[in-house]
C-alpha atoms as a PDB file:
ATOM      1  CA  MET A   1     -14.662   4.984  14.760  1.00  0.00           C
ATOM      2  CA  SER A   2     -16.225   5.226  18.188  1.00  0.00           C
ATOM      3  CA  GLU A   3     -14.314   3.612  21.046  1.00  0.00           C
ATOM      4  CA  GLN A   4     -17.653   2.247  22.293  1.00  0.00           C
ATOM      5  CA  ASN A   5     -18.929   0.987  18.943  1.00  0.00           C
ATOM      6  CA  ILE A   6     -16.454  -0.536  16.493  1.00  0.00           C
ATOM      7  CA  TYR A   7     -19.087  -0.410  13.748  1.00  0.00           C
ATOM      8  CA  LEU A   8     -19.728   3.335  13.988  1.00  0.00           C
ATOM      9  CA  PRO A   9     -17.674   5.156  11.350  1.00  0.00           C
ATOM     10  CA  TYR A  10     -16.013   8.522  11.469  1.00  0.00           C
ATOM     11  CA  LEU A  11     -17.754  11.010   9.206  1.00  0.00           C
ATOM     12  CA  MET A  12     -15.296  12.234   6.592  1.00  0.00           C
ATOM     13  CA  THR A  13     -15.454  15.009   4.009  1.00  0.00           C
ATOM     14  CA  ILE A  14     -13.843  14.392   0.630  1.00  0.00           C
ATOM     15  CA  GLU A  15     -11.485  17.348   0.341  1.00  0.00           C
ATOM     16  CA  LYS A  16      -9.826  16.348  -2.941  1.00  0.00           C
ATOM     17  CA  ILE A  17     -10.222  13.705  -5.643  1.00  0.00           C
ATOM     18  CA  THR A  18      -7.289  12.742  -7.871  1.00  0.00           C
ATOM     19  CA  ASN A  19      -7.710  10.569 -10.954  1.00  0.00           C
ATOM     20  CA  GLU A  20      -4.615   8.365 -10.900  1.00  0.00           C
ATOM     21  CA  ALA A  21      -5.218   5.934 -13.784  1.00  0.00           C
ATOM     22  CA  PRO A  22      -8.212   4.499 -15.654  1.00  0.00           C
ATOM     23  CA  GLY A  23     -10.720   3.536 -12.961  1.00  0.00           C
ATOM     24  CA  VAL A  24      -8.343   4.463 -10.122  1.00  0.00           C
ATOM     25  CA  LYS A  25      -8.915   7.407  -7.768  1.00  0.00           C
ATOM     26  CA  THR A  26      -7.329   8.852  -4.654  1.00  0.00           C
ATOM     27  CA  LEU A  27      -9.571  10.495  -2.064  1.00  0.00           C
ATOM     28  CA  LYS A  28      -8.162  12.973   0.449  1.00  0.00           C
ATOM     29  CA  LEU A  29     -10.396  12.813   3.520  1.00  0.00           C
ATOM     30  CA  LYS A  30     -10.760  15.198   6.432  1.00  0.00           C
ATOM     31  CA  PHE A  31     -12.508  14.410   9.713  1.00  0.00           C
ATOM     32  CA  GLN A  32     -15.688  16.402  10.210  1.00  0.00           C
ATOM     33  CA  ASN A  33     -15.226  16.295  13.994  1.00  0.00           C
ATOM     34  CA  GLU A  34     -12.136  18.261  15.045  1.00  0.00           C
ATOM     35  CA  GLU A  35     -11.724  16.360  18.322  1.00  0.00           C
ATOM     36  CA  GLU A  36     -11.707  13.060  16.450  1.00  0.00           C
ATOM     37  CA  ALA A  37      -9.203  14.471  13.981  1.00  0.00           C
ATOM     38  CA  ASN A  38      -6.839  15.529  16.772  1.00  0.00           C
ATOM     39  CA  ALA A  39      -7.119  12.187  18.567  1.00  0.00           C
ATOM     40  CA  PHE A  40      -6.754   9.963  15.481  1.00  0.00           C
ATOM     41  CA  GLN A  41      -3.484   8.061  15.136  1.00  0.00           C
ATOM     42  CA  PHE A  42      -2.287   5.232  12.923  1.00  0.00           C
ATOM     43  CA  LYS A  43       0.932   3.608  11.742  1.00  0.00           C
ATOM     44  CA  ALA A  44       2.248   2.593   8.334  1.00  0.00           C
ATOM     45  CA  GLY A  45       0.622  -0.606   7.110  1.00  0.00           C
ATOM     46  CA  GLN A  46      -2.733  -0.251   8.801  1.00  0.00           C
ATOM     47  CA  PHE A  47      -5.990  -0.259   6.868  1.00  0.00           C
ATOM     48  CA  GLY A  48      -9.569   0.939   7.157  1.00  0.00           C
ATOM     49  CA  GLU A  49     -13.140   0.335   6.035  1.00  0.00           C
ATOM     50  CA  TYR A  50     -14.405   3.067   3.706  1.00  0.00           C
ATOM     51  CA  SER A  51     -18.145   3.450   3.175  1.00  0.00           C
ATOM     52  CA  ALA A  52     -20.383   5.018   0.583  1.00  0.00           C
ATOM     53  CA  PHE A  53     -23.599   5.335   2.515  1.00  0.00           C
ATOM     54  CA  GLY A  54     -26.335   3.160   1.066  1.00  0.00           C
ATOM     55  CA  GLU A  55     -23.814   1.001  -0.818  1.00  0.00           C
ATOM     56  CA  GLY A  56     -21.681  -0.621   1.893  1.00  0.00           C
ATOM     57  CA  GLU A  57     -18.015  -0.716   2.908  1.00  0.00           C
ATOM     58  CA  SER A  58     -14.807  -1.629   1.151  1.00  0.00           C
ATOM     59  CA  THR A  59     -11.368  -2.274   2.608  1.00  0.00           C
ATOM     60  CA  PHE A  60      -8.217  -0.374   1.595  1.00  0.00           C
ATOM     61  CA  CYS A  61      -4.967   0.604   3.196  1.00  0.00           C
ATOM     62  CA  ILE A  62      -4.454   4.105   4.508  1.00  0.00           C
ATOM     63  CA  ALA A  63      -2.349   5.379   1.619  1.00  0.00           C
ATOM     64  CA  SER A  64      -1.080   8.545   3.292  1.00  0.00           C
ATOM     65  CA  SER A  65       1.747   8.637   5.819  1.00  0.00           C
ATOM     66  CA  PRO A  66       1.185   8.987   9.580  1.00  0.00           C
ATOM     67  CA  THR A  67       3.714  11.826   9.420  1.00  0.00           C
ATOM     68  CA  ARG A  68       1.126  13.880   7.478  1.00  0.00           C
ATOM     69  CA  LYS A  69      -1.398  15.105  10.034  1.00  0.00           C
ATOM     70  CA  GLY A  70      -4.980  16.322   9.698  1.00  0.00           C
ATOM     71  CA  TYR A  71      -6.156  14.023   6.913  1.00  0.00           C
ATOM     72  CA  ILE A  72      -5.947  10.528   5.486  1.00  0.00           C
ATOM     73  CA  GLU A  73      -5.964   9.295   1.900  1.00  0.00           C
ATOM     74  CA  CYS A  74      -7.145   6.138   0.193  1.00  0.00           C
ATOM     75  CA  THR A  75      -6.580   4.947  -3.353  1.00  0.00           C
ATOM     76  CA  PHE A  76      -8.847   2.368  -4.995  1.00  0.00           C
ATOM     77  CA  ARG A  77      -9.857   0.860  -8.301  1.00  0.00           C
ATOM     78  CA  GLU A  78     -13.533   0.881  -9.246  1.00  0.00           C
ATOM     79  CA  THR A  79     -14.418  -2.822  -9.379  1.00  0.00           C
ATOM     80  CA  GLY A  80     -17.834  -3.341  -7.781  1.00  0.00           C
ATOM     81  CA  LYS A  81     -20.876  -1.858  -6.093  1.00  0.00           C
ATOM     82  CA  VAL A  82     -19.119  -0.160  -3.171  1.00  0.00           C
ATOM     83  CA  THR A  83     -16.121   1.145  -5.086  1.00  0.00           C
ATOM     84  CA  SER A  84     -18.495   2.427  -7.790  1.00  0.00           C
ATOM     85  CA  GLY A  85     -20.436   4.205  -5.046  1.00  0.00           C
ATOM     86  CA  LEU A  86     -17.241   5.753  -3.724  1.00  0.00           C
ATOM     87  CA  ALA A  87     -16.159   6.721  -7.248  1.00  0.00           C
ATOM     88  CA  ASP A  88     -19.475   8.518  -7.797  1.00  0.00           C
ATOM     89  CA  LEU A  89     -18.932  10.809  -4.795  1.00  0.00           C
ATOM     90  CA  GLU A  90     -17.779  14.360  -5.429  1.00  0.00           C
ATOM     91  CA  GLU A  91     -15.481  16.735  -3.591  1.00  0.00           C
ATOM     92  CA  GLY A  92     -17.330  18.017  -0.541  1.00  0.00           C
ATOM     93  CA  SER A  93     -19.328  14.787  -0.155  1.00  0.00           C
ATOM     94  CA  THR A  94     -19.599  12.920   3.141  1.00  0.00           C
ATOM     95  CA  MET A  95     -18.493   9.299   3.488  1.00  0.00           C
ATOM     96  CA  GLY A  96     -17.586   6.956   6.328  1.00  0.00           C
ATOM     97  CA  PHE A  97     -14.303   5.564   7.628  1.00  0.00           C
ATOM     98  CA  ARG A  98     -13.653   2.909  10.276  1.00  0.00           C
ATOM     99  CA  GLY A  99     -10.163   2.200  11.489  1.00  0.00           C
ATOM    100  CA  PRO A 100      -7.298   1.935  11.851  1.00  0.00           C
ATOM    101  CA  PHE A 101      -7.123  -1.854  11.861  1.00  0.00           C
ATOM    102  CA  GLY A 102      -4.319  -4.376  11.647  1.00  0.00           C
ATOM    103  CA  ASN A 103      -0.659  -4.475  12.519  1.00  0.00           C
ATOM    104  CA  THR A 104       2.082  -2.294  11.085  1.00  0.00           C
ATOM    105  CA  PHE A 105       5.381  -2.289   9.253  1.00  0.00           C
ATOM    106  CA  PRO A 106       8.111  -2.244  11.954  1.00  0.00           C
ATOM    107  CA  MET A 107       9.611   1.095  10.937  1.00  0.00           C
ATOM    108  CA  ASP A 108      11.474   1.531  14.232  1.00  0.00           C
ATOM    109  CA  GLU A 109      13.251  -1.795  13.723  1.00  0.00           C
ATOM    110  CA  TRP A 110      14.313  -0.675  10.244  1.00  0.00           C
ATOM    111  CA  LYS A 111      16.154   2.435  11.386  1.00  0.00           C
ATOM    112  CA  GLY A 112      19.685   2.518   9.972  1.00  0.00           C
ATOM    113  CA  LYS A 113      18.845   0.042   7.211  1.00  0.00           C
ATOM    114  CA  ASN A 114      18.517   0.258   3.424  1.00  0.00           C
ATOM    115  CA  LEU A 115      14.943  -0.085   2.158  1.00  0.00           C
ATOM    116  CA  VAL A 116      13.878  -1.645  -1.148  1.00  0.00           C
ATOM    117  CA  PHE A 117      10.231  -1.165  -2.115  1.00  0.00           C
ATOM    118  CA  ILE A 118       8.874  -3.467  -4.843  1.00  0.00           C
ATOM    119  CA  ALA A 119       5.335  -2.815  -6.085  1.00  0.00           C
ATOM    120  CA  GLY A 120       3.114  -3.692  -9.009  1.00  0.00           C
ATOM    121  CA  GLY A 121       0.116  -1.789 -10.368  1.00  0.00           C
ATOM    122  CA  ILE A 122      -2.542  -0.740  -7.880  1.00  0.00           C
ATOM    123  CA  ALA A 123      -0.394  -2.235  -5.073  1.00  0.00           C
ATOM    124  CA  LEU A 124       1.682   0.935  -4.838  1.00  0.00           C
ATOM    125  CA  PRO A 125      -0.811   2.612  -2.413  1.00  0.00           C
ATOM    126  CA  PRO A 126       0.105   0.383   0.572  1.00  0.00           C
ATOM    127  CA  MET A 127       3.746   1.136  -0.254  1.00  0.00           C
ATOM    128  CA  ARG A 128       3.147   4.869  -0.612  1.00  0.00           C
ATOM    129  CA  CYS A 129       2.295   5.141   3.074  1.00  0.00           C
ATOM    130  CA  VAL A 130       5.580   3.481   4.053  1.00  0.00           C
ATOM    131  CA  ILE A 131       7.625   5.306   1.421  1.00  0.00           C
ATOM    132  CA  TRP A 132       6.494   8.751   2.551  1.00  0.00           C
ATOM    133  CA  ASN A 133       6.890   7.698   6.176  1.00  0.00           C
ATOM    134  CA  ALA A 134      10.518   6.846   5.429  1.00  0.00           C
ATOM    135  CA  LEU A 135      11.128   9.940   3.289  1.00  0.00           C
ATOM    136  CA  ASP A 136       9.623  12.260   5.902  1.00  0.00           C
ATOM    137  CA  LEU A 137      12.022  10.708   8.426  1.00  0.00           C
ATOM    138  CA  ARG A 138      14.821  10.390   5.878  1.00  0.00           C
ATOM    139  CA  GLU A 139      17.626  10.674   8.431  1.00  0.00           C
ATOM    140  CA  ASN A 140      16.518   7.350   9.963  1.00  0.00           C
ATOM    141  CA  PHE A 141      17.273   5.259   6.877  1.00  0.00           C
ATOM    142  CA  LYS A 142      20.117   4.636   4.469  1.00  0.00           C
ATOM    143  CA  ASP A 143      19.597   3.951   0.753  1.00  0.00           C
ATOM    144  CA  ILE A 144      15.993   3.907  -0.486  1.00  0.00           C
ATOM    145  CA  THR A 145      15.198   2.074  -3.733  1.00  0.00           C
ATOM    146  CA  ILE A 146      11.741   1.848  -5.314  1.00  0.00           C
ATOM    147  CA  VAL A 147      10.987  -0.638  -8.097  1.00  0.00           C
ATOM    148  CA  TYR A 148       7.493  -0.056  -9.455  1.00  0.00           C
ATOM    149  CA  GLY A 149       5.777  -1.529 -12.485  1.00  0.00           C
ATOM    150  CA  ALA A 150       2.388  -1.582 -14.188  1.00  0.00           C
ATOM    151  CA  LYS A 151       0.825  -3.063 -17.301  1.00  0.00           C
ATOM    152  CA  SER A 152       1.199   0.196 -19.222  1.00  0.00           C
ATOM    153  CA  VAL A 153       2.393   3.760 -18.773  1.00  0.00           C
ATOM    154  CA  ASN A 154      -1.225   4.835 -18.400  1.00  0.00           C
ATOM    155  CA  ASP A 155      -1.724   2.366 -15.533  1.00  0.00           C
ATOM    156  CA  LEU A 156       1.051   3.830 -13.371  1.00  0.00           C
ATOM    157  CA  VAL A 157      -0.454   5.557 -10.325  1.00  0.00           C
ATOM    158  CA  TYR A 158       0.846   8.624  -8.449  1.00  0.00           C
ATOM    159  CA  LYS A 159       2.458   9.932 -11.630  1.00  0.00           C
ATOM    160  CA  GLU A 160       3.318  13.318 -10.095  1.00  0.00           C
ATOM    161  CA  GLU A 161       4.919  11.667  -7.093  1.00  0.00           C
ATOM    162  CA  LEU A 162       6.892   9.345  -9.344  1.00  0.00           C
ATOM    163  CA  LYS A 163       8.330  12.472 -10.997  1.00  0.00           C
ATOM    164  CA  GLU A 164       9.172  13.882  -7.575  1.00  0.00           C
ATOM    165  CA  TRP A 165      10.898  10.675  -6.491  1.00  0.00           C
ATOM    166  CA  THR A 166      12.823  10.579  -9.763  1.00  0.00           C
ATOM    167  CA  GLU A 167      14.184  14.052  -9.072  1.00  0.00           C
ATOM    168  CA  ARG A 168      15.187  13.341  -5.489  1.00  0.00           C
ATOM    169  CA  PRO A 169      18.917  12.579  -5.124  1.00  0.00           C
ATOM    170  CA  ASP A 170      18.237  10.416  -2.059  1.00  0.00           C
ATOM    171  CA  VAL A 171      15.887   7.990  -3.868  1.00  0.00           C
ATOM    172  CA  ASN A 172      16.662   5.403  -6.536  1.00  0.00           C
ATOM    173  CA  LEU A 173      13.426   4.947  -8.497  1.00  0.00           C
ATOM    174  CA  VAL A 174      13.151   2.261 -11.172  1.00  0.00           C
ATOM    175  CA  THR A 175       9.880   2.195 -13.125  1.00  0.00           C
ATOM    176  CA  THR A 176       8.864  -0.465 -15.605  1.00  0.00           C
ATOM    177  CA  VAL A 177       5.912  -1.428 -17.792  1.00  0.00           C
ATOM    178  CA  ASP A 178       4.979  -4.774 -19.268  1.00  0.00           C
ATOM    179  CA  PRO A 179       6.170  -5.466 -22.817  1.00  0.00           C
ATOM    180  CA  GLY A 180       3.816  -3.617 -25.153  1.00  0.00           C
ATOM    181  CA  GLY A 181       2.757  -1.165 -22.463  1.00  0.00           C
ATOM    182  CA  GLU A 182       5.332   1.482 -23.295  1.00  0.00           C
ATOM    183  CA  THR A 183       4.800   4.730 -25.205  1.00  0.00           C
ATOM    184  CA  PRO A 184       7.216   6.313 -27.707  1.00  0.00           C
ATOM    185  CA  ASP A 185       8.519   8.727 -25.064  1.00  0.00           C
ATOM    186  CA  TRP A 186       8.821   6.119 -22.284  1.00  0.00           C
ATOM    187  CA  LYS A 187      12.242   6.308 -20.643  1.00  0.00           C
ATOM    188  CA  GLY A 188      11.813   3.613 -18.010  1.00  0.00           C
ATOM    189  CA  GLU A 189      12.386  -0.123 -18.124  1.00  0.00           C
ATOM    190  CA  ILE A 190      10.317  -2.595 -20.136  1.00  0.00           C
ATOM    191  CA  GLY A 191       9.727  -5.927 -18.455  1.00  0.00           C
ATOM    192  CA  PHE A 192       7.918  -7.658 -15.616  1.00  0.00           C
ATOM    193  CA  VAL A 193       8.701  -6.552 -12.083  1.00  0.00           C
ATOM    194  CA  PRO A 194      10.550  -9.717 -10.926  1.00  0.00           C
ATOM    195  CA  SER A 195      12.970  -9.557 -13.869  1.00  0.00           C
ATOM    196  CA  ILE A 196      13.578  -5.850 -13.267  1.00  0.00           C
ATOM    197  CA  VAL A 197      14.303  -6.546  -9.594  1.00  0.00           C
ATOM    198  CA  GLU A 198      16.865  -9.142 -10.677  1.00  0.00           C
ATOM    199  CA  LYS A 199      18.357  -6.640 -13.130  1.00  0.00           C
ATOM    200  CA  THR A 200      18.481  -3.897 -10.480  1.00  0.00           C
ATOM    201  CA  ALA A 201      20.072  -6.401  -8.072  1.00  0.00           C
ATOM    202  CA  PRO A 202      19.727  -4.602  -4.724  1.00  0.00           C
ATOM    203  CA  SER A 203      22.233  -5.761  -2.150  1.00  0.00           C
ATOM    204  CA  PRO A 204      20.768  -7.715   0.769  1.00  0.00           C
ATOM    205  CA  GLU A 205      23.376  -6.362   3.172  1.00  0.00           C
ATOM    206  CA  ASN A 206      21.623  -4.433   5.954  1.00  0.00           C
ATOM    207  CA  THR A 207      18.529  -4.207   3.737  1.00  0.00           C
ATOM    208  CA  ILE A 208      14.803  -4.757   4.108  1.00  0.00           C
ATOM    209  CA  ALA A 209      12.685  -5.579   1.044  1.00  0.00           C
ATOM    210  CA  ILE A 210       8.979  -4.683   1.084  1.00  0.00           C
ATOM    211  CA  VAL A 211       6.931  -6.391  -1.638  1.00  0.00           C
ATOM    212  CA  CYS A 212       3.334  -5.684  -2.628  1.00  0.00           C
ATOM    213  CA  GLY A 213       1.514  -6.593  -5.807  1.00  0.00           C
ATOM    214  CA  PRO A 214      -0.709  -9.147  -7.491  1.00  0.00           C
ATOM    215  CA  PRO A 215      -0.199 -12.690  -6.123  1.00  0.00           C
ATOM    216  CA  ILE A 216       1.559 -13.754  -9.341  1.00  0.00           C
ATOM    217  CA  MET A 217       4.064 -10.910  -8.974  1.00  0.00           C
ATOM    218  CA  ILE A 218       4.779 -11.775  -5.358  1.00  0.00           C
ATOM    219  CA  LYS A 219       5.110 -15.459  -6.258  1.00  0.00           C
ATOM    220  CA  PHE A 220       7.910 -14.733  -8.746  1.00  0.00           C
ATOM    221  CA  THR A 221       9.558 -11.880  -6.817  1.00  0.00           C
ATOM    222  CA  PHE A 222      10.241 -13.838  -3.619  1.00  0.00           C
ATOM    223  CA  PRO A 223      12.573 -16.346  -5.390  1.00  0.00           C
ATOM    224  CA  VAL A 224      14.443 -13.464  -7.055  1.00  0.00           C
ATOM    225  CA  LEU A 225      15.097 -11.859  -3.671  1.00  0.00           C
ATOM    226  CA  GLU A 226      16.222 -15.204  -2.270  1.00  0.00           C
ATOM    227  CA  LYS A 227      18.570 -15.616  -5.241  1.00  0.00           C
ATOM    228  CA  LEU A 228      20.010 -12.166  -4.484  1.00  0.00           C
ATOM    229  CA  GLY A 229      20.729 -13.288  -0.923  1.00  0.00           C
ATOM    230  CA  PHE A 230      17.788 -11.889   1.049  1.00  0.00           C
ATOM    231  CA  LYS A 231      16.786 -13.936   4.089  1.00  0.00           C
ATOM    232  CA  ASP A 232      13.144 -14.585   4.901  1.00  0.00           C
ATOM    233  CA  ASN A 233      13.246 -12.191   7.860  1.00  0.00           C
ATOM    234  CA  GLN A 234      14.395  -9.405   5.516  1.00  0.00           C
ATOM    235  CA  ILE A 235      11.317  -9.655   3.267  1.00  0.00           C
ATOM    236  CA  TYR A 236       7.918  -8.164   4.155  1.00  0.00           C
ATOM    237  CA  THR A 237       4.572  -7.986   2.400  1.00  0.00           C
ATOM    238  CA  THR A 238       0.990  -6.964   3.124  1.00  0.00           C
ATOM    239  CA  LEU A 239      -2.076  -9.115   2.504  1.00  0.00           C
ATOM    240  CA  GLU A 240      -4.609  -6.324   2.908  1.00  0.00           C
ATOM    241  CA  ASN A 241      -6.473  -7.515  -0.178  1.00  0.00           C
ATOM    242  CA  ARG A 242      -7.728 -10.411   1.965  1.00  0.00           C
ATOM    243  CA  MET A 243      -9.543  -8.065   4.361  1.00  0.00           C
ATOM    244  CA  LYS A 244     -13.297  -8.273   4.872  1.00  0.00           C
ATOM    245  CA  CYS A 245     -14.889  -7.056   8.128  1.00  0.00           C
ATOM    246  CA  GLY A 246     -11.558  -5.860   9.558  1.00  0.00           C
ATOM    247  CA  VAL A 247     -12.236  -6.909  13.152  1.00  0.00           C
ATOM    248  CA  GLY A 248     -12.037 -10.707  13.132  1.00  0.00           C
ATOM    249  CA  LYS A 249     -15.786 -11.360  13.197  1.00  0.00           C
ATOM    250  CA  CYS A 250     -16.604 -12.770   9.752  1.00  0.00           C
ATOM    251  CA  GLY A 251     -13.765 -15.306   9.458  1.00  0.00           C
ATOM    252  CA  ARG A 252     -13.360 -14.703   5.722  1.00  0.00           C
ATOM    253  CA  CYS A 253      -9.757 -13.481   5.810  1.00  0.00           C
ATOM    254  CA  ASN A 254      -8.183 -16.620   7.229  1.00  0.00           C
ATOM    255  CA  VAL A 255      -4.948 -17.695   5.556  1.00  0.00           C
ATOM    256  CA  GLY A 256      -3.868 -21.038   6.909  1.00  0.00           C
ATOM    257  CA  LYS A 257      -4.060 -20.656  10.704  1.00  0.00           C
ATOM    258  CA  LEU A 258      -3.844 -16.872  10.517  1.00  0.00           C
ATOM    259  CA  TYR A 259      -6.543 -14.233  10.427  1.00  0.00           C
ATOM    260  CA  VAL A 260      -5.146 -11.469   8.281  1.00  0.00           C
ATOM    261  CA  CYS A 261      -7.165  -8.743  10.024  1.00  0.00           C
ATOM    262  CA  LYS A 262      -5.968  -9.799  13.493  1.00  0.00           C
ATOM    263  CA  ASP A 263      -2.479 -11.196  12.762  1.00  0.00           C
ATOM    264  CA  GLY A 264      -1.690  -8.927   9.797  1.00  0.00           C
ATOM    265  CA  PRO A 265      -2.033  -7.566   7.215  1.00  0.00           C
ATOM    266  CA  VAL A 266       1.754  -7.092   7.427  1.00  0.00           C
ATOM    267  CA  PHE A 267       3.799 -10.290   7.447  1.00  0.00           C
ATOM    268  CA  SER A 268       7.429 -11.197   6.970  1.00  0.00           C
ATOM    269  CA  LYS A 269       8.158 -14.007   4.551  1.00  0.00           C
ATOM    270  CA  GLU A 270       9.438 -15.918   7.559  1.00  0.00           C
ATOM    271  CA  GLN A 271       5.912 -15.805   9.025  1.00  0.00           C
ATOM    272  CA  LEU A 272       4.354 -16.935   5.746  1.00  0.00           C
ATOM    273  CA  ASN A 273       6.606 -19.948   5.286  1.00  0.00           C
ATOM    274  CA  ASN A 274       4.186 -22.285   7.054  1.00  0.00           C
ATOM    275  CA  ILE A 275       1.306 -21.272   4.780  1.00  0.00           C
ATOM    276  CA  PRO A 276       0.837 -22.821   1.316  1.00  0.00           C
ATOM    277  CA  ALA A 277       1.684 -20.111  -1.228  1.00  0.00           C
ATOM    278  CA  GLU A 278      -1.606 -20.648  -3.059  1.00  0.00           C
ATOM    279  CA  GLU A 279      -3.461 -19.440   0.046  1.00  0.00           C
ATOM    280  CA  TYR A 280      -1.996 -15.945  -0.112  1.00  0.00           C
END
């Protein structure tokens, strides 16, 4: 994105496409301009506008970690015109990227703390950035727990990375699928994410909980964390799904008195307390 023109995208080459789940893909993108690649920086939690030329732009988080240099990744579900245009692109194709936009997860403030990541379905990508950021700087954090669920085994994304996290002795990964979504060889939990969080019962002592998922999942997970003893300033989420233009021009991402693109997308529950829950 040009410093002079916020609407001018970087030109990106699709280096790799990974099919994560039905209708869900991850694109690994490399900057075509080496100077732009070397100058580009972002932090965990920020998002971008991804464009299929001739179709328009769509907003997703940057799903890769800022500790991984030379490329960025995005993960999306094919749901409309733009995402269908992106899904039709092949490895080697050119697409556009504008960003980074938005605020960040306060990783520096979390040093020395336990981290609990709670994600549902396609909401793992915003978490993936933060998870790998923490794992690549593992000495900065204490216990790391990941609770991740989807409708079915087939709907789980980043399946290879889930295997890797399962095998790591410094990560406690709990995976779950909705009742009826299991397969005969499924060895994880069966149940909705909030109930599995309550069953896992992470301690709130010196702990930060990061929650991302469908609104209904967030709605029922927040009370579980409160029941476990988490304070509002220990709970964070991202509202990146509310993003539109990304730069505060269109006014379509307002939540209460906040503009998600300018004030977020990362918020603590403490910040969200003055906003009616139905608005986010």
